[in-house]
Amino acid sequence: MIGCDAVGMSTVHETMVAHHSGMRVIAFSLITNKIVVDYDSEEKANHEEVLAAAKERSKDFENLILEIVDNIQNGQQQVEQVDK
């Protein structure tokens, strides 16, 4: 193993740039397949596996994001009411 539980393809870099630009950031990553460490392994990285896993979990991700956006909006409304 390489000493970590998961490796992101770009989330960290994009988040750092957005934060540096003054944006408030929230990021999500979906782990879709196992890493293939051994070059001689019979197991190979498989893009179809990634697409299938993403499709399988897409509704869960959609529901999670909708719930978070709703909570952010409700929190903002509560803050605005307190400020009045």
C-alpha atoms as a PDB file:
ATOM      1  CA  MET A   1       0.000   0.000   0.000  1.00  0.00           C
ATOM      2  CA  ILE A   2       1.011   3.624  -0.379  1.00  0.00           C
ATOM      3  CA  GLY A   3       0.269   4.771   3.180  1.00  0.00           C
ATOM      4  CA  CYS A   4      -3.123   6.409   2.796  1.00  0.00           C
ATOM      5  CA  ASP A   5      -6.791   5.490   2.680  1.00  0.00           C
ATOM      6  CA  ALA A   6      -7.764   7.432  -0.427  1.00  0.00           C
ATOM      7  CA  VAL A   7      -6.189   9.514  -3.177  1.00  0.00           C
ATOM      8  CA  GLY A   8      -8.076  12.370  -4.824  1.00  0.00           C
ATOM      9  CA  MET A   9      -7.507  13.283  -8.428  1.00  0.00           C
ATOM     10  CA  SER A  10      -7.994  17.048  -8.177  1.00  0.00           C
ATOM     11  CA  THR A  11     -10.198  18.097  -5.262  1.00  0.00           C
ATOM     12  CA  VAL A  12      -7.328  19.349  -3.086  1.00  0.00           C
ATOM     13  CA  HIS A  13      -5.752  21.516  -5.777  1.00  0.00           C
ATOM     14  CA  GLU A  14      -9.055  23.051  -6.869  1.00  0.00           C
ATOM     15  CA  THR A  15     -10.057  23.701  -3.258  1.00  0.00           C
ATOM     16  CA  MET A  16      -6.750  25.403  -2.464  1.00  0.00           C
ATOM     17  CA  VAL A  17      -7.036  27.709  -5.487  1.00  0.00           C
ATOM     18  CA  ALA A  18     -10.665  28.562  -4.718  1.00  0.00           C
ATOM     19  CA  HIS A  19      -9.828  29.301  -1.062  1.00  0.00           C
ATOM     20  CA  HIS A  20      -6.838  31.409  -2.098  1.00  0.00           C
ATOM     21  CA  SER A  21      -9.221  33.366  -4.355  1.00  0.00           C
ATOM     22  CA  GLY A  22     -11.407  34.159  -1.351  1.00  0.00           C
ATOM     23  CA  MET A  23     -14.128  31.626  -2.048  1.00  0.00           C
ATOM     24  CA  ARG A  24     -15.849  29.621   0.650  1.00  0.00           C
ATOM     25  CA  VAL A  25     -15.369  26.004  -0.328  1.00  0.00           C
ATOM     26  CA  ILE A  26     -17.028  22.675   0.270  1.00  0.00           C
ATOM     27  CA  ALA A  27     -15.777  19.627  -1.590  1.00  0.00           C
ATOM     28  CA  PHE A  28     -16.997  16.080  -2.099  1.00  0.00           C
ATOM     29  CA  SER A  29     -15.149  13.048  -3.350  1.00  0.00           C
ATOM     30  CA  LEU A  30     -16.575   9.701  -4.349  1.00  0.00           C
ATOM     31  CA  ILE A  31     -14.222   6.758  -4.070  1.00  0.00           C
ATOM     32  CA  THR A  32     -15.021   4.640  -7.105  1.00  0.00           C
ATOM     33  CA  ASN A  33     -12.344   1.960  -7.363  1.00  0.00           C
ATOM     34  CA  LYS A  34      -9.304   0.386  -5.743  1.00  0.00           C
ATOM     35  CA  ILE A  35      -5.808   1.526  -6.577  1.00  0.00           C
ATOM     36  CA  VAL A  36      -3.643  -0.782  -8.660  1.00  0.00           C
ATOM     37  CA  VAL A  37      -0.174  -0.543  -7.123  1.00  0.00           C
ATOM     38  CA  ASP A  38       1.669  -3.469  -8.666  1.00  0.00           C
ATOM     39  CA  TYR A  39       2.610  -2.832 -12.298  1.00  0.00           C
ATOM     40  CA  ASP A  40       2.681  -6.581 -12.988  1.00  0.00           C
ATOM     41  CA  SER A  41      -0.756  -7.154 -11.448  1.00  0.00           C
ATOM     42  CA  GLU A  42      -3.453  -8.869 -13.480  1.00  0.00           C
ATOM     43  CA  GLU A  43      -5.843  -6.290 -12.017  1.00  0.00           C
ATOM     44  CA  LYS A  44      -5.955  -3.126 -14.127  1.00  0.00           C
ATOM     45  CA  ALA A  45      -7.549   0.270 -13.639  1.00  0.00           C
ATOM     46  CA  ASN A  46     -10.937   0.265 -15.319  1.00  0.00           C
ATOM     47  CA  HIS A  47     -12.781   3.412 -16.400  1.00  0.00           C
ATOM     48  CA  GLU A  48     -16.060   1.540 -16.826  1.00  0.00           C
ATOM     49  CA  GLU A  49     -15.848   0.529 -13.143  1.00  0.00           C
ATOM     50  CA  VAL A  50     -15.483   4.195 -12.193  1.00  0.00           C
ATOM     51  CA  LEU A  51     -18.476   5.224 -14.307  1.00  0.00           C
ATOM     52  CA  ALA A  52     -20.643   2.410 -12.920  1.00  0.00           C
ATOM     53  CA  ALA A  53     -19.792   3.308  -9.315  1.00  0.00           C
ATOM     54  CA  ALA A  54     -20.513   6.990  -9.953  1.00  0.00           C
ATOM     55  CA  LYS A  55     -23.850   6.178 -11.588  1.00  0.00           C
ATOM     56  CA  GLU A  56     -24.789   3.839  -8.730  1.00  0.00           C
ATOM     57  CA  ARG A  57     -24.141   6.527  -6.095  1.00  0.00           C
ATOM     58  CA  SER A  58     -25.341   9.584  -8.051  1.00  0.00           C
ATOM     59  CA  LYS A  59     -28.772   9.775  -6.394  1.00  0.00           C
ATOM     60  CA  ASP A  60     -27.175   9.537  -2.922  1.00  0.00           C
ATOM     61  CA  PHE A  61     -24.809  12.388  -3.837  1.00  0.00           C
ATOM     62  CA  GLU A  62     -27.671  14.452  -5.229  1.00  0.00           C
ATOM     63  CA  ASN A  63     -29.688  14.004  -2.032  1.00  0.00           C
ATOM     64  CA  LEU A  64     -26.681  14.857   0.142  1.00  0.00           C
ATOM     65  CA  ILE A  65     -25.959  18.052  -1.784  1.00  0.00           C
ATOM     66  CA  LEU A  66     -29.615  19.109  -1.771  1.00  0.00           C
ATOM     67  CA  GLU A  67     -29.763  18.602   1.990  1.00  0.00           C
ATOM     68  CA  ILE A  68     -26.561  20.587   2.545  1.00  0.00           C
ATOM     69  CA  VAL A  69     -27.740  23.457   0.319  1.00  0.00           C
ATOM     70  CA  ASP A  70     -31.072  23.485   2.147  1.00  0.00           C
ATOM     71  CA  ASN A  71     -29.259  23.614   5.507  1.00  0.00           C
ATOM     72  CA  ILE A  72     -27.023  26.441   4.295  1.00  0.00           C
ATOM     73  CA  GLN A  73     -30.031  28.420   3.050  1.00  0.00           C
ATOM     74  CA  ASN A  74     -31.967  27.836   6.285  1.00  0.00           C
ATOM     75  CA  GLY A  75     -28.918  28.806   8.338  1.00  0.00           C
ATOM     76  CA  GLN A  76     -28.536  32.011   6.342  1.00  0.00           C
ATOM     77  CA  GLN A  77     -32.218  32.845   6.834  1.00  0.00           C
ATOM     78  CA  GLN A  78     -31.831  32.284  10.594  1.00  0.00           C
ATOM     79  CA  VAL A  79     -28.802  34.596  10.678  1.00  0.00           C
ATOM     80  CA  GLU A  80     -30.706  37.276   8.753  1.00  0.00           C
ATOM     81  CA  GLN A  81     -33.630  37.027  11.208  1.00  0.00           C
ATOM     82  CA  VAL A  82     -31.297  37.415  14.192  1.00  0.00           C
ATOM     83  CA  ASP A  83     -29.648  40.461  12.599  1.00  0.00           C
ATOM     84  CA  LYS A  84     -33.020  42.280  12.229  1.00  0.00           C
END
